[in-house]
Amino acid sequence: MTEFAKMDIFFFVATIAVVILTLLAAVLIIYIIKISKDIKYISRRARSEADLIAQDLSDLRQNVKEKGVKIKYLWSFFNNLRNKKK
């Protein structure tokens, strides 16, 4: 086998390997983008829920300051939390 034939085989194999690695890298990047979008959605959702809970706690604190500790306000607070889950 001549040296030129060996070079041709090497470059052919190297080209195939580069194409396969490029395709695998592209697929990996696509999956990373999809996962990052899901993480972004989850973090936004968690932030909005945390804001709602903070508002509920603020309302509960205000009721306690104004009217004292009453079971009615605690009960309504926990009912609001339970209803927001549904």
PDB file of N, CA and C in Angstrom:
ATOM      1  N   MET A   1       0.849  -1.169   0.000  1.00  0.00           N
ATOM      2  CA  MET A   1       0.000   0.000   0.000  1.00  0.00           C
ATOM      3  C   MET A   1       0.901   1.241   0.000  1.00  0.00           C
ATOM      4  N   THR A   2       0.605   2.119  -0.896  1.00  0.00           N
ATOM      5  CA  THR A   2       1.455   3.300  -1.005  1.00  0.00           C
ATOM      6  C   THR A   2       1.138   4.282   0.116  1.00  0.00           C
ATOM      7  N   GLU A   3       2.031   5.223   0.275  1.00  0.00           N
ATOM      8  CA  GLU A   3       1.836   6.206   1.334  1.00  0.00           C
ATOM      9  C   GLU A   3       0.656   7.128   1.041  1.00  0.00           C
ATOM     10  N   PHE A   4       0.403   7.383  -0.238  1.00  0.00           N
ATOM     11  CA  PHE A   4      -0.740   8.231  -0.591  1.00  0.00           C
ATOM     12  C   PHE A   4      -2.063   7.544  -0.269  1.00  0.00           C
ATOM     13  N   ALA A   5      -2.127   6.261  -0.448  1.00  0.00           N
ATOM     14  CA  ALA A   5      -3.343   5.514  -0.101  1.00  0.00           C
ATOM     15  C   ALA A   5      -3.551   5.525   1.402  1.00  0.00           C
ATOM     16  N   LYS A   6      -2.471   5.395   2.164  1.00  0.00           N
ATOM     17  CA  LYS A   6      -2.578   5.456   3.619  1.00  0.00           C
ATOM     18  C   LYS A   6      -3.057   6.838   4.070  1.00  0.00           C
ATOM     19  N   MET A   7      -2.537   7.888   3.427  1.00  0.00           N
ATOM     20  CA  MET A   7      -2.966   9.252   3.773  1.00  0.00           C
ATOM     21  C   MET A   7      -4.448   9.445   3.450  1.00  0.00           C
ATOM     22  N   ASP A   8      -4.889   8.948   2.323  1.00  0.00           N
ATOM     23  CA  ASP A   8      -6.298   9.070   1.941  1.00  0.00           C
ATOM     24  C   ASP A   8      -7.196   8.373   2.955  1.00  0.00           C
ATOM     25  N   ILE A   9      -6.816   7.181   3.374  1.00  0.00           N
ATOM     26  CA  ILE A   9      -7.601   6.439   4.371  1.00  0.00           C
ATOM     27  C   ILE A   9      -7.628   7.204   5.690  1.00  0.00           C
ATOM     28  N   PHE A  10      -6.464   7.727   6.102  1.00  0.00           N
ATOM     29  CA  PHE A  10      -6.408   8.493   7.352  1.00  0.00           C
ATOM     30  C   PHE A  10      -7.317   9.716   7.287  1.00  0.00           C
ATOM     31  N   PHE A  11      -7.243  10.492   6.222  1.00  0.00           N
ATOM     32  CA  PHE A  11      -8.056  11.691   6.118  1.00  0.00           C
ATOM     33  C   PHE A  11      -9.548  11.355   6.015  1.00  0.00           C
ATOM     34  N   PHE A  12      -9.869  10.268   5.363  1.00  0.00           N
ATOM     35  CA  PHE A  12     -11.264   9.842   5.280  1.00  0.00           C
ATOM     36  C   PHE A  12     -11.799   9.486   6.669  1.00  0.00           C
ATOM     37  N   VAL A  13     -11.054   8.709   7.429  1.00  0.00           N
ATOM     38  CA  VAL A  13     -11.459   8.307   8.771  1.00  0.00           C
ATOM     39  C   VAL A  13     -11.528   9.534   9.690  1.00  0.00           C
ATOM     40  N   ALA A  14     -10.546  10.418   9.576  1.00  0.00           N
ATOM     41  CA  ALA A  14     -10.538  11.629  10.396  1.00  0.00           C
ATOM     42  C   ALA A  14     -11.744  12.521  10.070  1.00  0.00           C
ATOM     43  N   THR A  15     -12.084  12.626   8.808  1.00  0.00           N
ATOM     44  CA  THR A  15     -13.235  13.437   8.407  1.00  0.00           C
ATOM     45  C   THR A  15     -14.527  12.860   8.968  1.00  0.00           C
ATOM     46  N   ILE A  16     -14.700  11.564   8.878  1.00  0.00           N
ATOM     47  CA  ILE A  16     -15.887  10.912   9.431  1.00  0.00           C
ATOM     48  C   ILE A  16     -15.963  11.139  10.938  1.00  0.00           C
ATOM     49  N   ALA A  17     -14.842  11.034  11.628  1.00  0.00           N
ATOM     50  CA  ALA A  17     -14.819  11.236  13.078  1.00  0.00           C
ATOM     51  C   ALA A  17     -15.196  12.672  13.436  1.00  0.00           C
ATOM     52  N   VAL A  18     -14.694  13.634  12.696  1.00  0.00           N
ATOM     53  CA  VAL A  18     -15.012  15.041  12.960  1.00  0.00           C
ATOM     54  C   VAL A  18     -16.499  15.304  12.722  1.00  0.00           C
ATOM     55  N   VAL A  19     -17.043  14.740  11.668  1.00  0.00           N
ATOM     56  CA  VAL A  19     -18.477  14.935  11.379  1.00  0.00           C
ATOM     57  C   VAL A  19     -19.316  14.327  12.497  1.00  0.00           C
ATOM     58  N   ILE A  20     -18.987  13.139  12.938  1.00  0.00           N
ATOM     59  CA  ILE A  20     -19.748  12.483  14.015  1.00  0.00           C
ATOM     60  C   ILE A  20     -19.643  13.279  15.309  1.00  0.00           C
ATOM     61  N   LEU A  21     -18.446  13.724  15.657  1.00  0.00           N
ATOM     62  CA  LEU A  21     -18.275  14.521  16.876  1.00  0.00           C
ATOM     63  C   LEU A  21     -19.028  15.850  16.800  1.00  0.00           C
ATOM     64  N   THR A  22     -19.044  16.465  15.626  1.00  0.00           N
ATOM     65  CA  THR A  22     -19.785  17.718  15.444  1.00  0.00           C
ATOM     66  C   THR A  22     -21.279  17.496  15.625  1.00  0.00           C
ATOM     67  N   LEU A  23     -21.806  16.417  15.070  1.00  0.00           N
ATOM     68  CA  LEU A  23     -23.227  16.114  15.240  1.00  0.00           C
ATOM     69  C   LEU A  23     -23.570  15.834  16.702  1.00  0.00           C
ATOM     70  N   LEU A  24     -22.725  15.095  17.383  1.00  0.00           N
ATOM     71  CA  LEU A  24     -22.957  14.820  18.803  1.00  0.00           C
ATOM     72  C   LEU A  24     -22.907  16.102  19.628  1.00  0.00           C
ATOM     73  N   ALA A  25     -21.981  16.990  19.308  1.00  0.00           N
ATOM     74  CA  ALA A  25     -21.888  18.263  20.021  1.00  0.00           C
ATOM     75  C   ALA A  25     -23.137  19.107  19.771  1.00  0.00           C
ATOM     76  N   ALA A  26     -23.643  19.101  18.551  1.00  0.00           N
ATOM     77  CA  ALA A  26     -24.857  19.867  18.235  1.00  0.00           C
ATOM     78  C   ALA A  26     -26.058  19.325  19.010  1.00  0.00           C
ATOM     79  N   VAL A  27     -26.186  18.026  19.080  1.00  0.00           N
ATOM     80  CA  VAL A  27     -27.293  17.423  19.837  1.00  0.00           C
ATOM     81  C   VAL A  27     -27.163  17.759  21.313  1.00  0.00           C
ATOM     82  N   LEU A  28     -25.955  17.699  21.835  1.00  0.00           N
ATOM     83  CA  LEU A  28     -25.725  18.037  23.237  1.00  0.00           C
ATOM     84  C   LEU A  28     -26.082  19.498  23.524  1.00  0.00           C
ATOM     85  N   ILE A  29     -25.716  20.391  22.637  1.00  0.00           N
ATOM     86  CA  ILE A  29     -26.050  21.809  22.815  1.00  0.00           C
ATOM     87  C   ILE A  29     -27.553  22.019  22.782  1.00  0.00           C
ATOM     88  N   ILE A  30     -28.255  21.327  21.910  1.00  0.00           N
ATOM     89  CA  ILE A  30     -29.714  21.453  21.842  1.00  0.00           C
ATOM     90  C   ILE A  30     -30.345  21.000  23.153  1.00  0.00           C
ATOM     91  N   TYR A  31     -29.880  19.888  23.707  1.00  0.00           N
ATOM     92  CA  TYR A  31     -30.415  19.417  24.989  1.00  0.00           C
ATOM     93  C   TYR A  31     -30.103  20.384  26.121  1.00  0.00           C
ATOM     94  N   ILE A  32     -28.921  20.955  26.117  1.00  0.00           N
ATOM     95  CA  ILE A  32     -28.562  21.930  27.155  1.00  0.00           C
ATOM     96  C   ILE A  32     -29.463  23.152  27.066  1.00  0.00           C
ATOM     97  N   ILE A  33     -29.770  23.598  25.861  1.00  0.00           N
ATOM     98  CA  ILE A  33     -30.665  24.748  25.691  1.00  0.00           C
ATOM     99  C   ILE A  33     -32.064  24.419  26.209  1.00  0.00           C
ATOM    100  N   LYS A  34     -32.576  23.241  25.890  1.00  0.00           N
ATOM    101  CA  LYS A  34     -33.903  22.846  26.372  1.00  0.00           C
ATOM    102  C   LYS A  34     -33.937  22.760  27.891  1.00  0.00           C
ATOM    103  N   ILE A  35     -32.909  22.185  28.489  1.00  0.00           N
ATOM    104  CA  ILE A  35     -32.860  22.061  29.946  1.00  0.00           C
ATOM    105  C   ILE A  35     -32.782  23.436  30.595  1.00  0.00           C
ATOM    106  N   SER A  36     -32.002  24.336  30.017  1.00  0.00           N
ATOM    107  CA  SER A  36     -31.888  25.677  30.597  1.00  0.00           C
ATOM    108  C   SER A  36     -33.211  26.436  30.502  1.00  0.00           C
ATOM    109  N   LYS A  37     -33.979  26.218  29.440  1.00  0.00           N
ATOM    110  CA  LYS A  37     -35.299  26.848  29.343  1.00  0.00           C
ATOM    111  C   LYS A  37     -36.237  26.314  30.422  1.00  0.00           C
ATOM    112  N   ASP A  38     -36.179  25.008  30.679  1.00  0.00           N
ATOM    113  CA  ASP A  38     -37.007  24.425  31.741  1.00  0.00           C
ATOM    114  C   ASP A  38     -36.610  24.967  33.108  1.00  0.00           C
ATOM    115  N   ILE A  39     -35.323  25.085  33.349  1.00  0.00           N
ATOM    116  CA  ILE A  39     -34.854  25.627  34.628  1.00  0.00           C
ATOM    117  C   ILE A  39     -35.297  27.077  34.787  1.00  0.00           C
ATOM    118  N   LYS A  40     -35.248  27.831  33.716  1.00  0.00           N
ATOM    119  CA  LYS A  40     -35.691  29.232  33.761  1.00  0.00           C
ATOM    120  C   LYS A  40     -37.181  29.311  34.085  1.00  0.00           C
ATOM    121  N   TYR A  41     -37.989  28.448  33.463  1.00  0.00           N
ATOM    122  CA  TYR A  41     -39.420  28.426  33.731  1.00  0.00           C
ATOM    123  C   TYR A  41     -39.692  28.066  35.191  1.00  0.00           C
ATOM    124  N   ILE A  42     -39.006  27.059  35.699  1.00  0.00           N
ATOM    125  CA  ILE A  42     -39.215  26.613  37.082  1.00  0.00           C
ATOM    126  C   ILE A  42     -38.812  27.715  38.061  1.00  0.00           C
ATOM    127  N   SER A  43     -37.696  28.390  37.796  1.00  0.00           N
ATOM    128  CA  SER A  43     -37.263  29.442  38.718  1.00  0.00           C
ATOM    129  C   SER A  43     -38.225  30.625  38.703  1.00  0.00           C
ATOM    130  N   ARG A  44     -38.764  30.965  37.551  1.00  0.00           N
ATOM    131  CA  ARG A  44     -39.765  32.051  37.499  1.00  0.00           C
ATOM    132  C   ARG A  44     -41.023  31.655  38.260  1.00  0.00           C
ATOM    133  N   ARG A  45     -41.434  30.433  38.092  1.00  0.00           N
ATOM    134  CA  ARG A  45     -42.627  29.949  38.790  1.00  0.00           C
ATOM    135  C   ARG A  45     -42.408  29.948  40.299  1.00  0.00           C
ATOM    136  N   ALA A  46     -41.253  29.497  40.732  1.00  0.00           N
ATOM    137  CA  ALA A  46     -40.938  29.474  42.158  1.00  0.00           C
ATOM    138  C   ALA A  46     -40.874  30.892  42.724  1.00  0.00           C
ATOM    139  N   ARG A  47     -40.318  31.819  41.962  1.00  0.00           N
ATOM    140  CA  ARG A  47     -40.245  33.208  42.413  1.00  0.00           C
ATOM    141  C   ARG A  47     -41.637  33.803  42.584  1.00  0.00           C
ATOM    142  N   SER A  48     -42.525  33.549  41.631  1.00  0.00           N
ATOM    143  CA  SER A  48     -43.877  34.105  41.744  1.00  0.00           C
ATOM    144  C   SER A  48     -44.636  33.489  42.917  1.00  0.00           C
ATOM    145  N   GLU A  49     -44.458  32.192  43.139  1.00  0.00           N
ATOM    146  CA  GLU A  49     -45.111  31.542  44.285  1.00  0.00           C
ATOM    147  C   GLU A  49     -44.543  32.066  45.601  1.00  0.00           C
ATOM    148  N   ALA A  50     -43.244  32.299  45.647  1.00  0.00           N
ATOM    149  CA  ALA A  50     -42.633  32.843  46.859  1.00  0.00           C
ATOM    150  C   ALA A  50     -43.156  34.250  47.143  1.00  0.00           C
ATOM    151  N   ASP A  51     -43.371  35.037  46.089  1.00  0.00           N
ATOM    152  CA  ASP A  51     -43.933  36.376  46.277  1.00  0.00           C
ATOM    153  C   ASP A  51     -45.352  36.298  46.837  1.00  0.00           C
ATOM    154  N   LEU A  52     -46.142  35.328  46.349  1.00  0.00           N
ATOM    155  CA  LEU A  52     -47.504  35.174  46.860  1.00  0.00           C
ATOM    156  C   LEU A  52     -47.505  34.750  48.326  1.00  0.00           C
ATOM    157  N   ILE A  53     -46.616  33.859  48.683  1.00  0.00           N
ATOM    158  CA  ILE A  53     -46.530  33.425  50.080  1.00  0.00           C
ATOM    159  C   ILE A  53     -46.068  34.574  50.962  1.00  0.00           C
ATOM    160  N   ALA A  54     -45.120  35.365  50.474  1.00  0.00           N
ATOM    161  CA  ALA A  54     -44.665  36.525  51.242  1.00  0.00           C
ATOM    162  C   ALA A  54     -45.804  37.514  51.446  1.00  0.00           C
ATOM    163  N   GLN A  55     -46.632  37.708  50.425  1.00  0.00           N
ATOM    164  CA  GLN A  55     -47.781  38.607  50.559  1.00  0.00           C
ATOM    165  C   GLN A  55     -48.782  38.056  51.581  1.00  0.00           C
ATOM    166  N   ASP A  56     -49.021  36.757  51.552  1.00  0.00           N
ATOM    167  CA  ASP A  56     -49.919  36.144  52.521  1.00  0.00           C
ATOM    168  C   ASP A  56     -49.389  36.302  53.940  1.00  0.00           C
ATOM    169  N   LEU A  57     -48.100  36.102  54.116  1.00  0.00           N
ATOM    170  CA  LEU A  57     -47.503  36.277  55.442  1.00  0.00           C
ATOM    171  C   LEU A  57     -47.584  37.732  55.893  1.00  0.00           C
ATOM    172  N   SER A  58     -47.405  38.637  54.953  1.00  0.00           N
ATOM    173  CA  SER A  58     -47.532  40.055  55.280  1.00  0.00           C
ATOM    174  C   SER A  58     -48.959  40.381  55.725  1.00  0.00           C
ATOM    175  N   ASP A  59     -49.940  39.830  55.019  1.00  0.00           N
ATOM    176  CA  ASP A  59     -51.347  40.042  55.407  1.00  0.00           C
ATOM    177  C   ASP A  59     -51.625  39.451  56.785  1.00  0.00           C
ATOM    178  N   LEU A  60     -51.099  38.257  57.043  1.00  0.00           N
ATOM    179  CA  LEU A  60     -51.284  37.629  58.348  1.00  0.00           C
ATOM    180  C   LEU A  60     -50.633  38.469  59.445  1.00  0.00           C
ATOM    181  N   ARG A  61     -49.436  38.962  59.209  1.00  0.00           N
ATOM    182  CA  ARG A  61     -48.736  39.790  60.187  1.00  0.00           C
ATOM    183  C   ARG A  61     -49.521  41.070  60.465  1.00  0.00           C
ATOM    184  N   GLN A  62     -50.064  41.668  59.403  1.00  0.00           N
ATOM    185  CA  GLN A  62     -50.851  42.888  59.565  1.00  0.00           C
ATOM    186  C   GLN A  62     -52.110  42.615  60.395  1.00  0.00           C
ATOM    187  N   ASN A  63     -52.772  41.498  60.135  1.00  0.00           N
ATOM    188  CA  ASN A  63     -53.960  41.148  60.918  1.00  0.00           C
ATOM    189  C   ASN A  63     -53.617  40.907  62.385  1.00  0.00           C
ATOM    190  N   VAL A  64     -52.482  40.280  62.634  1.00  0.00           N
ATOM    191  CA  VAL A  64     -52.073  40.017  64.013  1.00  0.00           C
ATOM    192  C   VAL A  64     -51.761  41.338  64.722  1.00  0.00           C
ATOM    193  N   LYS A  65     -51.104  42.250  64.019  1.00  0.00           N
ATOM    194  CA  LYS A  65     -50.785  43.553  64.625  1.00  0.00           C
ATOM    195  C   LYS A  65     -52.042  44.349  64.935  1.00  0.00           C
ATOM    196  N   GLU A  66     -52.986  44.326  64.020  1.00  0.00           N
ATOM    197  CA  GLU A  66     -54.188  45.143  64.188  1.00  0.00           C
ATOM    198  C   GLU A  66     -55.191  44.517  65.157  1.00  0.00           C
ATOM    199  N   LYS A  67     -55.416  43.228  65.054  1.00  0.00           N
ATOM    200  CA  LYS A  67     -56.528  42.614  65.773  1.00  0.00           C
ATOM    201  C   LYS A  67     -56.096  41.558  66.773  1.00  0.00           C
ATOM    202  N   GLY A  68     -54.797  41.320  66.884  1.00  0.00           N
ATOM    203  CA  GLY A  68     -54.330  40.299  67.808  1.00  0.00           C
ATOM    204  C   GLY A  68     -54.394  38.922  67.174  1.00  0.00           C
ATOM    205  N   VAL A  69     -53.932  37.947  67.924  1.00  0.00           N
ATOM    206  CA  VAL A  69     -53.909  36.573  67.420  1.00  0.00           C
ATOM    207  C   VAL A  69     -55.297  35.967  67.592  1.00  0.00           C
ATOM    208  N   LYS A  70     -55.893  35.628  66.476  1.00  0.00           N
ATOM    209  CA  LYS A  70     -57.191  34.958  66.486  1.00  0.00           C
ATOM    210  C   LYS A  70     -57.097  33.751  65.570  1.00  0.00           C
ATOM    211  N   ILE A  71     -57.744  32.714  65.978  1.00  0.00           N
ATOM    212  CA  ILE A  71     -57.723  31.468  65.214  1.00  0.00           C
ATOM    213  C   ILE A  71     -58.318  31.682  63.827  1.00  0.00           C
ATOM    214  N   LYS A  72     -59.282  32.565  63.730  1.00  0.00           N
ATOM    215  CA  LYS A  72     -59.944  32.817  62.453  1.00  0.00           C
ATOM    216  C   LYS A  72     -58.934  33.267  61.392  1.00  0.00           C
ATOM    217  N   TYR A  73     -57.995  34.124  61.739  1.00  0.00           N
ATOM    218  CA  TYR A  73     -57.029  34.623  60.767  1.00  0.00           C
ATOM    219  C   TYR A  73     -56.017  33.545  60.382  1.00  0.00           C
ATOM    220  N   LEU A  74     -55.608  32.763  61.361  1.00  0.00           N
ATOM    221  CA  LEU A  74     -54.714  31.660  61.045  1.00  0.00           C
ATOM    222  C   LEU A  74     -55.395  30.642  60.130  1.00  0.00           C
ATOM    223  N   TRP A  75     -56.648  30.349  60.441  1.00  0.00           N
ATOM    224  CA  TRP A  75     -57.411  29.397  59.632  1.00  0.00           C
ATOM    225  C   TRP A  75     -57.563  29.919  58.196  1.00  0.00           C
ATOM    226  N   SER A  76     -57.888  31.191  58.035  1.00  0.00           N
ATOM    227  CA  SER A  76     -58.052  31.746  56.688  1.00  0.00           C
ATOM    228  C   SER A  76     -56.709  31.762  55.941  1.00  0.00           C
ATOM    229  N   PHE A  77     -55.614  32.010  56.666  1.00  0.00           N
ATOM    230  CA  PHE A  77     -54.292  31.983  56.036  1.00  0.00           C
ATOM    231  C   PHE A  77     -53.991  30.601  55.468  1.00  0.00           C
ATOM    232  N   PHE A  78     -54.196  29.566  56.270  1.00  0.00           N
ATOM    233  CA  PHE A  78     -53.901  28.215  55.794  1.00  0.00           C
ATOM    234  C   PHE A  78     -54.878  27.770  54.710  1.00  0.00           C
ATOM    235  N   ASN A  79     -56.120  28.216  54.779  1.00  0.00           N
ATOM    236  CA  ASN A  79     -57.063  27.914  53.706  1.00  0.00           C
ATOM    237  C   ASN A  79     -56.640  28.581  52.406  1.00  0.00           C
ATOM    238  N   ASN A  80     -56.145  29.796  52.483  1.00  0.00           N
ATOM    239  CA  ASN A  80     -55.656  30.487  51.277  1.00  0.00           C
ATOM    240  C   ASN A  80     -54.485  29.736  50.660  1.00  0.00           C
ATOM    241  N   LEU A  81     -53.582  29.261  51.503  1.00  0.00           N
ATOM    242  CA  LEU A  81     -52.444  28.487  50.972  1.00  0.00           C
ATOM    243  C   LEU A  81     -52.912  27.206  50.306  1.00  0.00           C
ATOM    244  N   ARG A  82     -53.862  26.521  50.943  1.00  0.00           N
ATOM    245  CA  ARG A  82     -54.357  25.266  50.390  1.00  0.00           C
ATOM    246  C   ARG A  82     -55.108  25.517  49.078  1.00  0.00           C
ATOM    247  N   ASN A  83     -55.901  26.585  49.014  1.00  0.00           N
ATOM    248  CA  ASN A  83     -56.666  26.869  47.798  1.00  0.00           C
ATOM    249  C   ASN A  83     -55.748  27.290  46.652  1.00  0.00           C
ATOM    250  N   LYS A  84     -54.626  27.927  46.940  1.00  0.00           N
ATOM    251  CA  LYS A  84     -53.707  28.331  45.880  1.00  0.00           C
ATOM    252  C   LYS A  84     -53.009  27.134  45.262  1.00  0.00           C
ATOM    253  N   LYS A  85     -52.844  26.058  46.042  1.00  0.00           N
ATOM    254  CA  LYS A  85     -52.234  24.854  45.483  1.00  0.00           C
ATOM    255  C   LYS A  85     -53.134  24.223  44.431  1.00  0.00           C
ATOM    256  N   LYS A  86     -54.444  24.311  44.659  1.00  0.00           N
ATOM    257  CA  LYS A  86     -55.391  23.716  43.705  1.00  0.00           C
ATOM    258  C   LYS A  86     -55.464  24.585  42.487  1.00  0.00           C
TER     259      LYS A  86
END
